[in-house]
Amino acid sequence: MTQTVKVIAKFVSKKTGEPLTGEKYTVRIYDNDVVSDDFLGEGKLNNEGVVEILTDLGKALSVDSPAEKKPDLYFEVYSEHGVIYQSKVFKNVDFLQEDTKDFGTFEIVF
């Protein structure tokens, strides 16, 4: 399966409500699988704390999910200290009707 999709999310500080910005932050998106999670892509946060990641859904296909059509997605936010946030897993994300998904705003405590 080859389908390019866009994933959008915003990250803010729970303490201040201010967006996370700057080169020190990287957001990665993964497909949660039984044996090993699939890395789908990464991006930097803009001045409003928003990341847009383009990825090919074909990256979600693996030995433990060879026919997957609706990936189970989650985000990780990294700083220079490593992972500072991991979102919940969004089950069976359907990109068949639209190729862009906005996951909304995530509040990060750190």
Protein backbone atom coordinates (compact mmCIF):
# COMPACT_ATOMS: atom_id res chain seq x y z
CA MET A 1 0.00 0.00 0.00
CA THR A 2 1.38 3.38 -0.98
CA GLN A 3 -0.57 6.41 0.17
CA THR A 4 0.97 9.69 1.30
CA VAL A 5 -0.89 11.21 4.24
CA LYS A 6 -0.44 14.25 6.47
CA VAL A 7 -0.64 14.09 10.25
CA ILE A 8 -1.05 17.34 12.20
CA ALA A 9 -0.82 17.95 15.96
CA LYS A 10 -0.18 20.84 18.33
CA PHE A 11 1.85 20.67 21.54
CA VAL A 12 1.60 23.14 24.42
CA SER A 13 2.89 23.38 27.96
CA LYS A 14 0.21 22.27 30.42
CA LYS A 15 1.67 24.65 33.00
CA THR A 16 1.63 27.84 30.89
CA GLY A 17 -0.53 27.04 27.88
CA GLU A 18 2.27 28.33 25.67
CA PRO A 19 3.18 26.37 22.52
CA LEU A 20 6.35 24.30 22.46
CA THR A 21 8.68 25.82 19.90
CA GLY A 22 12.31 25.70 18.90
CA GLU A 23 14.81 23.45 17.26
CA LYS A 24 15.27 21.40 20.43
CA TYR A 25 11.90 19.67 19.94
CA THR A 26 11.23 16.87 17.48
CA VAL A 27 7.93 15.00 17.12
CA ARG A 28 7.89 11.44 15.84
CA ILE A 29 4.89 9.37 14.86
CA TYR A 30 4.66 5.60 15.17
CA ASP A 31 2.27 2.81 14.28
CA ASN A 32 1.68 0.68 17.36
CA ASP A 33 2.01 -3.05 16.60
CA VAL A 34 2.11 -6.26 18.62
CA VAL A 35 5.78 -7.09 18.09
CA SER A 36 7.54 -3.90 17.02
CA ASP A 37 6.21 -0.39 16.42
CA ASP A 38 6.76 1.13 12.97
CA PHE A 39 8.43 4.55 12.72
CA LEU A 40 6.40 6.61 10.24
CA GLY A 41 8.15 9.97 10.28
CA GLU A 42 9.16 13.05 12.22
CA GLY A 43 8.97 16.82 12.11
CA LYS A 44 9.82 20.03 13.94
CA LEU A 45 7.36 22.27 15.75
CA ASN A 46 6.56 25.64 14.17
CA ASN A 47 6.12 28.92 16.10
CA GLU A 48 2.59 27.89 17.14
CA GLY A 49 3.69 24.47 18.45
CA VAL A 50 2.25 22.67 15.43
CA VAL A 51 3.89 19.79 13.60
CA GLU A 52 2.89 18.51 10.18
CA ILE A 53 4.32 15.15 9.18
CA LEU A 54 3.96 13.67 5.71
CA THR A 55 4.31 9.90 5.63
CA ASP A 56 3.63 6.92 3.42
CA LEU A 57 1.15 4.51 4.99
CA GLY A 58 3.16 1.69 3.41
CA LYS A 59 5.61 2.18 6.30
CA ALA A 60 2.92 0.79 8.63
CA LEU A 61 3.03 -2.60 6.94
CA SER A 62 5.30 -5.07 8.69
CA VAL A 63 5.64 -8.73 9.54
CA ASP A 64 3.27 -8.38 12.49
CA SER A 65 0.70 -6.37 10.46
CA PRO A 66 1.11 -7.25 6.76
CA ALA A 67 -2.39 -6.20 5.62
CA GLU A 68 -2.94 -3.24 7.92
CA LYS A 69 -5.14 -0.51 6.42
CA LYS A 70 -5.93 1.49 9.56
CA PRO A 71 -2.81 2.09 11.65
CA ASP A 72 -2.80 2.61 15.42
CA LEU A 73 -0.89 5.89 15.74
CA TYR A 74 0.87 7.64 18.61
CA PHE A 75 3.21 10.60 18.99
CA GLU A 76 6.46 11.02 20.89
CA VAL A 77 8.00 14.42 21.60
CA TYR A 78 11.76 14.57 22.01
CA SER A 79 13.99 17.27 23.47
CA GLU A 80 17.74 17.22 23.93
CA HIS A 81 17.05 15.06 27.03
CA GLY A 82 15.18 12.33 25.13
CA VAL A 83 11.46 11.51 25.13
CA ILE A 84 9.47 14.06 27.15
CA TYR A 85 5.98 12.99 26.08
CA GLN A 86 4.15 10.02 24.57
CA SER A 87 0.52 10.33 23.51
CA LYS A 88 -2.15 7.72 23.86
CA VAL A 89 -2.56 5.32 20.95
CA PHE A 90 -5.20 6.34 18.43
CA LYS A 91 -6.68 3.03 17.25
CA ASN A 92 -7.63 2.28 13.64
CA VAL A 93 -6.97 5.70 12.13
CA ASP A 94 -8.84 5.75 8.83
CA PHE A 95 -7.16 7.68 6.01
CA LEU A 96 -9.46 6.22 3.32
CA GLN A 97 -11.90 9.15 3.31
CA GLU A 98 -9.34 11.92 3.78
CA ASP A 99 -5.57 11.98 3.61
CA THR A 100 -5.04 14.61 6.34
CA LYS A 101 -5.76 14.04 10.02
CA ASP A 102 -5.54 16.76 12.67
CA PHE A 103 -5.17 15.18 16.10
CA GLY A 104 -5.70 18.46 17.95
CA THR A 105 -3.78 19.85 20.90
CA PHE A 106 -1.72 17.89 23.42
CA GLU A 107 -0.75 19.35 26.79
CA ILE A 108 2.71 18.36 27.98
CA VAL A 109 3.91 18.34 31.57
CA PHE A 110 7.68 18.58 31.99
